[in-house]
N, C-alpha and C. Protein backbone atom coordinates (compact mmCIF):
# COMPACT_ATOMS: atom_id res chain seq x y z
N UNK A 1 126.50 59.12 -78.67
CA UNK A 1 127.80 59.05 -79.14
C UNK A 1 128.13 59.97 -78.10
N UNK A 2 129.89 59.54 -78.03
CA UNK A 2 130.86 60.23 -77.55
C UNK A 2 131.18 61.16 -77.82
N UNK A 3 131.56 62.64 -76.81
CA UNK A 3 132.32 63.34 -77.76
C UNK A 3 133.56 63.56 -78.65
N UNK A 4 134.37 62.34 -78.36
CA UNK A 4 135.97 61.94 -79.14
C UNK A 4 134.74 61.40 -80.32
N UNK A 5 134.13 61.14 -80.88
CA UNK A 5 134.11 60.84 -82.19
C UNK A 5 133.34 61.46 -82.83
N UNK A 6 133.95 61.85 -83.80
CA UNK A 6 133.15 62.80 -85.00
C UNK A 6 132.02 61.86 -85.71
N UNK A 7 130.81 62.63 -86.55
CA UNK A 7 129.98 62.06 -86.76
C UNK A 7 130.13 61.39 -88.50
N UNK A 8 131.66 62.02 -89.06
CA UNK A 8 132.01 61.22 -90.98
C UNK A 8 133.01 60.27 -90.34
N UNK A 9 132.87 59.78 -88.93
CA UNK A 9 133.69 58.50 -88.85
C UNK A 9 132.70 57.04 -88.46
N UNK A 10 131.41 56.98 -88.27
CA UNK A 10 130.56 56.73 -88.13
C UNK A 10 130.12 55.83 -89.52
N UNK A 11 130.15 54.73 -90.15
CA UNK A 11 129.57 54.30 -91.44
C UNK A 11 128.89 53.68 -90.98
N UNK A 12 128.27 52.76 -90.55
CA UNK A 12 126.91 52.06 -90.65
C UNK A 12 126.02 52.64 -88.88
N UNK A 13 125.02 53.04 -89.85
CA UNK A 13 124.13 53.32 -88.97
C UNK A 13 123.06 52.40 -87.88
N UNK A 14 123.44 52.55 -86.54
CA UNK A 14 122.63 51.29 -85.65
C UNK A 14 121.42 51.88 -84.53
N UNK A 15 120.59 51.78 -85.21
CA UNK A 15 119.46 51.93 -84.27
C UNK A 15 118.82 51.53 -83.05
N UNK A 16 118.87 52.59 -82.04
CA UNK A 16 118.65 51.81 -80.73
C UNK A 16 117.41 52.40 -79.97
N UNK A 17 116.64 52.14 -79.35
CA UNK A 17 115.52 52.51 -78.89
C UNK A 17 115.95 52.35 -77.31
N UNK A 18 115.53 53.05 -76.15
CA UNK A 18 115.59 52.92 -75.09
C UNK A 18 114.06 52.66 -74.50
N UNK A 19 114.34 51.20 -74.10
CA UNK A 19 112.87 50.55 -73.34
C UNK A 19 112.24 51.12 -72.35
N UNK A 20 113.64 51.43 -71.79
CA UNK A 20 113.57 51.60 -70.03
C UNK A 20 113.46 53.14 -69.90
N UNK A 21 112.94 53.49 -68.43
CA UNK A 21 114.22 54.67 -68.34
C UNK A 21 115.29 54.82 -67.99
N UNK A 22 115.61 54.06 -67.10
CA UNK A 22 116.86 53.43 -66.65
C UNK A 22 118.03 53.23 -67.50
N UNK A 23 117.83 52.63 -68.61
CA UNK A 23 118.55 52.72 -69.65
C UNK A 23 120.02 53.64 -70.08
N UNK A 24 120.82 53.31 -70.33
CA UNK A 24 121.66 54.62 -70.93
C UNK A 24 121.68 53.91 -71.90
N UNK A 25 122.13 55.27 -72.89
CA UNK A 25 122.66 55.13 -74.29
C UNK A 25 123.83 54.33 -74.76
N UNK A 26 124.21 53.36 -75.22
CA UNK A 26 125.66 53.06 -75.41
C UNK A 26 126.43 54.41 -76.07
N UNK A 27 127.74 54.07 -75.67
CA UNK A 27 128.52 55.05 -76.33
C UNK A 27 129.89 54.19 -76.40
N UNK A 28 130.67 54.38 -77.01
CA UNK A 28 132.39 54.26 -77.72
C UNK A 28 132.80 55.38 -76.63
N UNK A 29 134.02 54.57 -75.37
CA UNK A 29 134.68 55.48 -73.96
C UNK A 29 135.64 56.56 -74.90
N UNK A 30 136.27 55.51 -75.74
CA UNK A 30 137.50 56.44 -76.23
C UNK A 30 136.83 56.21 -77.90
N UNK A 31 137.73 57.15 -78.60
CA UNK A 31 138.01 57.27 -80.23
C UNK A 31 138.73 55.77 -80.02
N UNK A 32 138.14 55.06 -81.54
CA UNK A 32 139.23 53.86 -81.67
C UNK A 32 138.48 52.54 -80.99
N UNK A 33 137.83 52.83 -79.85
CA UNK A 33 137.53 51.78 -79.51
C UNK A 33 136.72 50.66 -80.51
N UNK A 34 136.70 49.54 -80.35
CA UNK A 34 135.78 48.53 -81.03
C UNK A 34 134.27 48.23 -80.06
N UNK A 35 133.80 48.27 -79.13
CA UNK A 35 133.29 48.33 -78.87
C UNK A 35 132.26 49.10 -77.65
N UNK A 36 131.41 49.21 -77.56
CA UNK A 36 130.21 50.29 -76.78
C UNK A 36 129.97 49.57 -75.54
N UNK A 37 129.50 50.44 -74.81
CA UNK A 37 129.35 49.72 -73.38
C UNK A 37 127.96 49.72 -73.23
N UNK A 38 127.69 48.51 -72.29
CA UNK A 38 126.02 48.02 -72.01
C UNK A 38 126.23 48.18 -70.84
N UNK A 39 125.01 48.80 -70.09
CA UNK A 39 124.83 48.64 -68.87
C UNK A 39 123.44 48.08 -68.09
N UNK A 40 123.49 47.13 -66.90
CA UNK A 40 122.12 46.97 -66.34
C UNK A 40 120.98 48.07 -65.91
N UNK A 41 119.82 47.26 -66.21
CA UNK A 41 118.59 48.62 -65.53
C UNK A 41 118.28 47.41 -64.61
N UNK A 42 118.67 46.66 -64.24
CA UNK A 42 118.33 45.83 -62.92
C UNK A 42 119.35 45.50 -61.83
N UNK A 43 118.76 45.48 -60.52
CA UNK A 43 119.67 45.27 -59.57
C UNK A 43 119.36 43.43 -58.93
N UNK A 44 120.38 42.79 -59.35
CA UNK A 44 120.44 41.66 -58.74
C UNK A 44 121.49 41.11 -58.24
N UNK A 45 121.57 40.22 -57.67
CA UNK A 45 122.55 39.44 -56.62
C UNK A 45 122.53 37.93 -57.86
N UNK A 46 123.94 38.11 -57.57
CA UNK A 46 124.38 36.25 -58.55
C UNK A 46 124.55 35.18 -57.60
N UNK A 47 124.24 34.00 -57.15
CA UNK A 47 124.96 33.53 -55.72
C UNK A 47 126.12 32.83 -56.62
N UNK A 48 127.24 32.03 -56.17
CA UNK A 48 128.13 30.94 -56.62
C UNK A 48 127.54 30.32 -57.98
N UNK A 49 128.03 30.59 -59.15
CA UNK A 49 128.17 29.63 -60.17
C UNK A 49 126.63 29.77 -60.98
N UNK A 50 126.09 30.92 -60.31
CA UNK A 50 124.85 31.33 -60.78
C UNK A 50 125.14 32.10 -62.18
N UNK A 51 124.05 32.22 -63.08
CA UNK A 51 123.94 32.47 -64.39
C UNK A 51 122.33 32.91 -64.51
N UNK A 52 122.94 34.16 -65.16
CA UNK A 52 121.38 35.14 -65.20
C UNK A 52 121.50 35.70 -66.39
N UNK A 53 120.42 36.62 -67.07
CA UNK A 53 119.90 37.25 -67.63
C UNK A 53 119.90 38.68 -67.30
N UNK A 54 120.76 39.82 -67.74
CA UNK A 54 120.11 41.26 -67.21
C UNK A 54 119.76 41.90 -68.15
N UNK A 55 118.57 42.80 -68.07
CA UNK A 55 118.17 43.43 -69.44
C UNK A 55 119.07 44.69 -69.25
N UNK A 56 118.96 45.40 -70.68
CA UNK A 56 119.93 46.71 -70.87
C UNK A 56 118.65 47.54 -70.64
N UNK A 57 118.00 47.35 -71.39
CA UNK A 57 116.70 48.64 -71.35
C UNK A 57 116.60 49.18 -72.71
N UNK A 58 117.35 47.99 -73.56
CA UNK A 58 117.65 48.97 -74.94
C UNK A 58 117.20 48.28 -76.20
N UNK A 59 116.58 48.21 -76.96
CA UNK A 59 116.43 47.02 -78.48
C UNK A 59 117.11 47.90 -79.44
N UNK A 60 117.80 47.12 -80.57
CA UNK A 60 118.45 47.84 -81.49
C UNK A 60 117.94 47.39 -83.33
N UNK A 61 118.24 47.52 -83.78
CA UNK A 61 117.52 47.76 -85.58
C UNK A 61 119.20 47.36 -85.87
N UNK A 62 119.44 45.92 -86.06
CA UNK A 62 120.94 45.74 -86.47
C UNK A 62 120.59 45.84 -87.98
N UNK A 63 121.40 46.53 -89.08
CA UNK A 63 121.56 46.33 -90.29
C UNK A 63 121.36 44.48 -90.80
N UNK A 64 120.96 44.38 -91.46
CA UNK A 64 121.03 43.06 -92.71
C UNK A 64 122.36 42.98 -92.74
N UNK A 65 123.13 41.55 -92.25
CA UNK A 65 124.28 41.21 -93.05
C UNK A 65 125.59 41.83 -91.83
N UNK A 66 124.56 42.04 -90.66
CA UNK A 66 125.55 42.34 -89.28
C UNK A 66 124.78 41.65 -88.51
N UNK A 67 125.86 41.74 -86.76
CA UNK A 67 125.60 41.50 -85.96
C UNK A 67 125.68 42.02 -84.70
N UNK A 68 125.66 41.90 -83.96
CA UNK A 68 126.07 43.00 -82.50
C UNK A 68 126.91 41.45 -81.99
N UNK A 69 127.61 41.67 -80.88
CA UNK A 69 128.55 40.58 -80.32
C UNK A 69 128.64 41.13 -79.15
N UNK A 70 128.47 40.29 -78.49
CA UNK A 70 128.39 40.35 -76.52
C UNK A 70 129.68 40.16 -76.40
N UNK A 71 130.24 41.03 -75.96
CA UNK A 71 131.74 40.48 -75.47
C UNK A 71 132.19 40.82 -73.80
N UNK A 72 133.08 40.32 -73.07
CA UNK A 72 133.19 41.28 -71.92
C UNK A 72 134.10 42.42 -71.59
N UNK A 73 134.29 42.79 -71.02
CA UNK A 73 135.24 44.11 -70.76
C UNK A 73 136.56 43.35 -70.19
N UNK A 74 137.45 43.72 -70.96
CA UNK A 74 138.55 43.28 -70.16
C UNK A 74 138.65 43.36 -68.95
N UNK A 75 138.22 44.80 -68.27
CA UNK A 75 138.34 44.85 -66.80
C UNK A 75 137.51 44.39 -66.06
N UNK A 76 136.49 43.77 -66.00
CA UNK A 76 135.29 43.27 -65.78
C UNK A 76 135.95 41.99 -65.44
N UNK A 77 136.39 41.17 -66.40
CA UNK A 77 136.77 40.14 -66.31
C UNK A 77 138.27 39.67 -65.65
N UNK A 78 138.59 40.82 -65.51
CA UNK A 78 140.71 40.63 -64.99
C UNK A 78 140.16 40.66 -63.07
N UNK A 79 139.16 41.73 -62.94
CA UNK A 79 138.84 42.44 -61.50
C UNK A 79 137.93 41.79 -60.42
N UNK A 80 136.91 41.01 -61.34
CA UNK A 80 136.01 40.38 -60.52
C UNK A 80 135.56 38.93 -61.01
N UNK A 81 134.61 38.24 -60.34
CA UNK A 81 134.16 36.92 -61.06
C UNK A 81 133.36 36.73 -61.84
N UNK A 82 133.02 37.88 -62.57
CA UNK A 82 131.67 38.23 -63.21
C UNK A 82 132.46 37.55 -65.13
N UNK A 83 131.61 36.34 -65.52
CA UNK A 83 131.98 36.25 -66.91
C UNK A 83 130.51 36.56 -67.86
N UNK A 84 130.58 37.26 -69.36
CA UNK A 84 129.32 37.13 -70.22
C UNK A 84 129.63 35.50 -70.20
N UNK A 85 128.63 34.67 -70.22
CA UNK A 85 128.40 33.49 -70.36
C UNK A 85 128.65 32.79 -71.62
N UNK A 86 127.88 33.27 -72.72
CA UNK A 86 128.09 32.81 -73.86
C UNK A 86 128.97 33.32 -74.98
N UNK A 87 129.80 34.10 -74.36
CA UNK A 87 130.92 35.41 -75.34
C UNK A 87 131.54 34.70 -76.66
N UNK A 88 131.54 34.90 -77.54
CA UNK A 88 130.99 36.23 -77.87
C UNK A 88 129.50 35.92 -78.04
N UNK A 89 128.27 36.55 -77.07
CA UNK A 89 127.06 36.46 -77.19
C UNK A 89 126.74 37.05 -78.78
N UNK A 90 125.51 36.65 -79.69
CA UNK A 90 125.13 37.35 -80.78
C UNK A 90 123.98 37.44 -80.66
N UNK A 91 123.74 38.97 -80.88
CA UNK A 91 122.06 39.69 -81.62
C UNK A 91 122.68 40.03 -83.07
N UNK A 92 121.17 38.67 -83.43
CA UNK A 92 120.92 38.99 -84.71
C UNK A 92 120.37 39.97 -85.39
N UNK A 93 120.54 40.28 -86.50
CA UNK A 93 119.89 41.57 -87.16
C UNK A 93 118.56 41.39 -87.61
N UNK A 94 117.65 40.04 -87.43
CA UNK A 94 115.98 40.38 -87.47
C UNK A 94 115.37 40.18 -85.98
N UNK A 95 116.45 40.50 -85.07
CA UNK A 95 116.04 40.16 -83.44
C UNK A 95 115.53 42.20 -83.04
N UNK A 96 114.35 41.86 -82.72
CA UNK A 96 113.72 43.03 -82.14
C UNK A 96 113.46 43.71 -80.40
N UNK A 97 114.00 42.27 -80.14
CA UNK A 97 113.73 42.48 -78.52
C UNK A 97 114.35 43.00 -77.65
N UNK A 98 114.52 43.43 -76.70
CA UNK A 98 115.41 43.97 -75.86
C UNK A 98 116.29 43.15 -75.32
N UNK A 99 117.47 43.80 -75.56
CA UNK A 99 119.00 42.99 -75.18
C UNK A 99 119.45 42.70 -73.67
N UNK A 100 119.83 41.67 -73.61
CA UNK A 100 120.09 40.99 -72.13
C UNK A 100 121.50 40.22 -72.70
N UNK A 101 122.22 40.33 -71.33
CA UNK A 101 123.50 39.96 -71.12
C UNK A 101 123.39 39.00 -70.33
N UNK A 102 123.91 37.66 -70.72
CA UNK A 102 124.20 36.48 -69.64
C UNK A 102 125.17 36.66 -69.08
N UNK A 103 125.42 37.19 -67.70
CA UNK A 103 126.18 37.29 -66.74
C UNK A 103 126.23 35.96 -65.88
N UNK A 104 127.61 35.20 -65.79
CA UNK A 104 127.70 34.50 -64.38
C UNK A 104 129.05 34.49 -63.10
N UNK A 105 128.35 34.25 -61.98
CA UNK A 105 129.48 34.39 -61.11
C UNK A 105 130.25 33.21 -60.81
N UNK A 106 131.34 33.30 -61.60
CA UNK A 106 132.04 32.49 -61.18
C UNK A 106 132.92 31.88 -59.59
N UNK A 107 132.74 33.22 -58.77
CA UNK A 107 132.77 32.66 -57.43
C UNK A 107 132.50 31.44 -56.54
N UNK A 108 133.27 30.50 -56.31
CA UNK A 108 132.66 29.53 -55.64
C UNK A 108 132.06 29.65 -54.20
N UNK A 109 132.13 30.66 -53.97
CA UNK A 109 131.58 30.93 -51.92
C UNK A 109 130.46 32.50 -51.95
N UNK A 110 130.92 33.13 -52.68
CA UNK A 110 130.28 34.54 -53.05
C UNK A 110 129.25 35.25 -53.69
N UNK A 111 128.47 35.55 -53.13
CA UNK A 111 127.40 36.10 -54.14
C UNK A 111 127.91 37.33 -54.43
N UNK A 112 127.50 38.09 -55.84
CA UNK A 112 127.92 39.09 -56.81
C UNK A 112 126.86 40.04 -56.45
N UNK A 113 126.48 41.21 -56.46
CA UNK A 113 125.66 42.33 -56.76
C UNK A 113 125.99 42.87 -58.15
N UNK A 114 124.91 43.22 -58.72
CA UNK A 114 124.98 43.93 -59.65
C UNK A 114 123.52 44.77 -60.00
N UNK A 115 124.36 46.03 -59.89
CA UNK A 115 123.49 47.28 -59.49
C UNK A 115 123.37 47.78 -61.08
N UNK A 116 121.68 48.95 -60.56
CA UNK A 116 121.49 49.73 -62.16
C UNK A 116 122.44 50.11 -62.40
N UNK A 117 122.50 50.86 -64.04
CA UNK A 117 123.58 51.49 -64.30
C UNK A 117 125.18 50.75 -64.02
N UNK A 118 125.50 49.65 -63.69
CA UNK A 118 126.41 48.91 -63.96
C UNK A 118 126.37 48.44 -65.19
N UNK A 119 127.98 48.46 -65.68
CA UNK A 119 128.50 48.08 -67.10
C UNK A 119 128.50 46.59 -67.18
N UNK A 120 127.56 46.11 -67.85
CA UNK A 120 127.69 44.30 -67.66
C UNK A 120 128.70 43.79 -69.19
N UNK A 121 129.20 44.71 -70.00
CA UNK A 121 129.55 44.04 -70.92
C UNK A 121 129.91 45.18 -72.61
N UNK A 122 130.71 44.92 -73.57
CA UNK A 122 130.21 45.68 -74.42
C UNK A 122 129.59 45.10 -76.04
N UNK A 123 129.39 45.88 -76.48
CA UNK A 123 128.99 45.63 -78.01
C UNK A 123 129.52 45.93 -79.63
N UNK A 124 129.82 44.79 -79.99
CA UNK A 124 130.83 45.17 -81.18
C UNK A 124 130.08 44.88 -82.48
N UNK A 125 130.04 46.04 -83.40
CA UNK A 125 129.00 45.77 -84.45
C UNK A 125 130.13 45.05 -85.73
N UNK A 126 129.71 43.85 -85.87
CA UNK A 126 130.55 42.84 -87.00
C UNK A 126 129.56 42.67 -88.03
N UNK A 127 130.24 42.69 -89.21
CA UNK A 127 129.68 42.38 -90.24
C UNK A 127 129.64 40.57 -90.66
N UNK A 128 128.61 40.13 -91.25
CA UNK A 128 128.63 38.64 -90.84
C UNK A 128 128.44 38.35 -92.53
N UNK A 129 129.15 37.53 -93.53
CA UNK A 129 128.79 37.08 -94.31
C UNK A 129 127.70 35.96 -94.47
N UNK A 130 126.71 35.42 -94.90
CA UNK A 130 125.59 35.30 -95.12
C UNK A 130 125.92 33.61 -96.59
N UNK A 131 125.81 32.56 -95.58
CA UNK A 131 126.51 31.29 -95.78
C UNK A 131 125.15 31.01 -97.02
N UNK A 132 125.61 30.61 -97.96
CA UNK A 132 124.76 30.22 -99.17
C UNK A 132 125.21 28.52 -98.92
N UNK A 133 124.07 27.75 -98.40
CA UNK A 133 124.16 26.23 -97.94
C UNK A 133 124.04 25.62 -98.96
N UNK A 134 125.31 24.59 -99.56
CA UNK A 134 125.81 23.52 -100.45
C UNK A 134 125.46 22.24 -100.23
N UNK A 135 124.06 21.52 -100.00
CA UNK A 135 124.39 20.08 -99.63
C UNK A 135 125.48 19.49 -100.62
N UNK A 136 126.21 18.30 -100.18
CA UNK A 136 127.05 17.93 -101.36
C UNK A 136 127.14 16.17 -100.53
N UNK A 137 127.90 15.66 -101.40
CA UNK A 137 128.03 14.22 -100.87
C UNK A 137 129.49 14.04 -99.95
N UNK A 138 129.77 13.47 -99.09
CA UNK A 138 130.94 13.57 -98.16
C UNK A 138 132.34 13.65 -98.89
N UNK A 139 131.87 12.55 -100.35
CA UNK A 139 133.75 12.68 -100.97
C UNK A 139 133.55 14.01 -102.17
N UNK A 140 132.49 14.66 -102.04
CA UNK A 140 132.89 15.66 -102.87
C UNK A 140 133.77 16.85 -101.79
N UNK A 141 133.80 16.79 -100.55
CA UNK A 141 134.67 17.41 -99.71
C UNK A 141 136.24 17.03 -100.19
N UNK A 142 137.10 18.33 -100.28
CA UNK A 142 138.48 18.44 -100.45
C UNK A 142 138.83 17.80 -99.17
N UNK A 143 140.02 17.39 -99.45
CA UNK A 143 140.84 16.59 -98.22
C UNK A 143 142.09 17.83 -98.14
N UNK A 144 142.34 18.21 -96.66
CA UNK A 144 143.28 18.95 -96.36
C UNK A 144 144.20 18.11 -95.15
N UNK A 145 145.70 18.88 -95.03
CA UNK A 145 146.23 17.95 -94.44
C UNK A 145 145.68 17.42 -92.76
N UNK A 146 145.19 18.29 -91.93
CA UNK A 146 144.21 18.01 -91.32
C UNK A 146 143.76 17.38 -91.11
N UNK A 147 142.73 17.20 -91.98
CA UNK A 147 142.20 15.99 -92.14
C UNK A 147 140.69 16.09 -90.82
N UNK A 148 140.77 15.11 -90.25
CA UNK A 148 139.56 15.01 -89.12
C UNK A 148 140.24 15.23 -87.74
N UNK A 149 141.61 15.36 -87.62
CA UNK A 149 141.78 16.01 -86.39
C UNK A 149 141.52 17.43 -85.86
N UNK A 150 141.18 16.39 -83.88
CA UNK A 150 140.33 18.18 -83.86
C UNK A 150 140.85 17.75 -82.14
N UNK A 151 139.94 19.28 -81.49
CA UNK A 151 140.42 19.11 -79.84
C UNK A 151 141.85 18.79 -79.66
N UNK A 152 143.23 19.87 -80.04
CA UNK A 152 143.98 19.59 -79.24
C UNK A 152 145.23 19.10 -80.15
N UNK A 153 144.54 18.07 -81.65
CA UNK A 153 145.25 17.30 -82.35
C UNK A 153 146.71 17.37 -82.17
N UNK A 154 146.83 18.92 -82.76
CA UNK A 154 148.37 19.57 -83.27
C UNK A 154 149.39 19.35 -82.10
N UNK A 155 148.92 19.42 -80.78
CA UNK A 155 150.04 18.77 -79.63
C UNK A 155 150.27 17.14 -79.10
N UNK A 156 149.47 16.40 -80.10
CA UNK A 156 149.59 15.23 -79.69
C UNK A 156 150.72 14.87 -80.80
N UNK A 157 151.63 14.12 -79.93
CA UNK A 157 153.30 13.68 -80.21
C UNK A 157 152.98 12.00 -80.50
N UNK A 158 151.85 11.61 -80.46
CA UNK A 158 152.09 10.20 -80.50
C UNK A 158 151.17 9.98 -81.71
């Protein structure tokens, strides 16, 4: 935990186990940050447009009713051709395997190397309401002004 964070500011315990000696325990870089940094425990090259999973060396016990979202860092998105491919990725509360981050090289011509200890993404603990699924007949769905309009319908003028 970062020196900038006071213990009393932490509200939701998130248990994290290092399962690789190269793993970095996540930290919030600055007080008030929404995400904690996640780092690679692998050294791999990504070919142009290639997508791979990079291990973090961490396992988490996420409280029921929460998820950890895996999001890109703004700096990596701005300064490189690396993208978190399924952004935001979700780690469900029932998952106990090693956390991986799906990274894609969007550069059309160059390989990009990711090294051990390189920051891959950030994790954000989010509350997730659990839906109670209620099956109904289509006629029981309330109508709205939008109706069935989709995929950019608000820009259509015809």
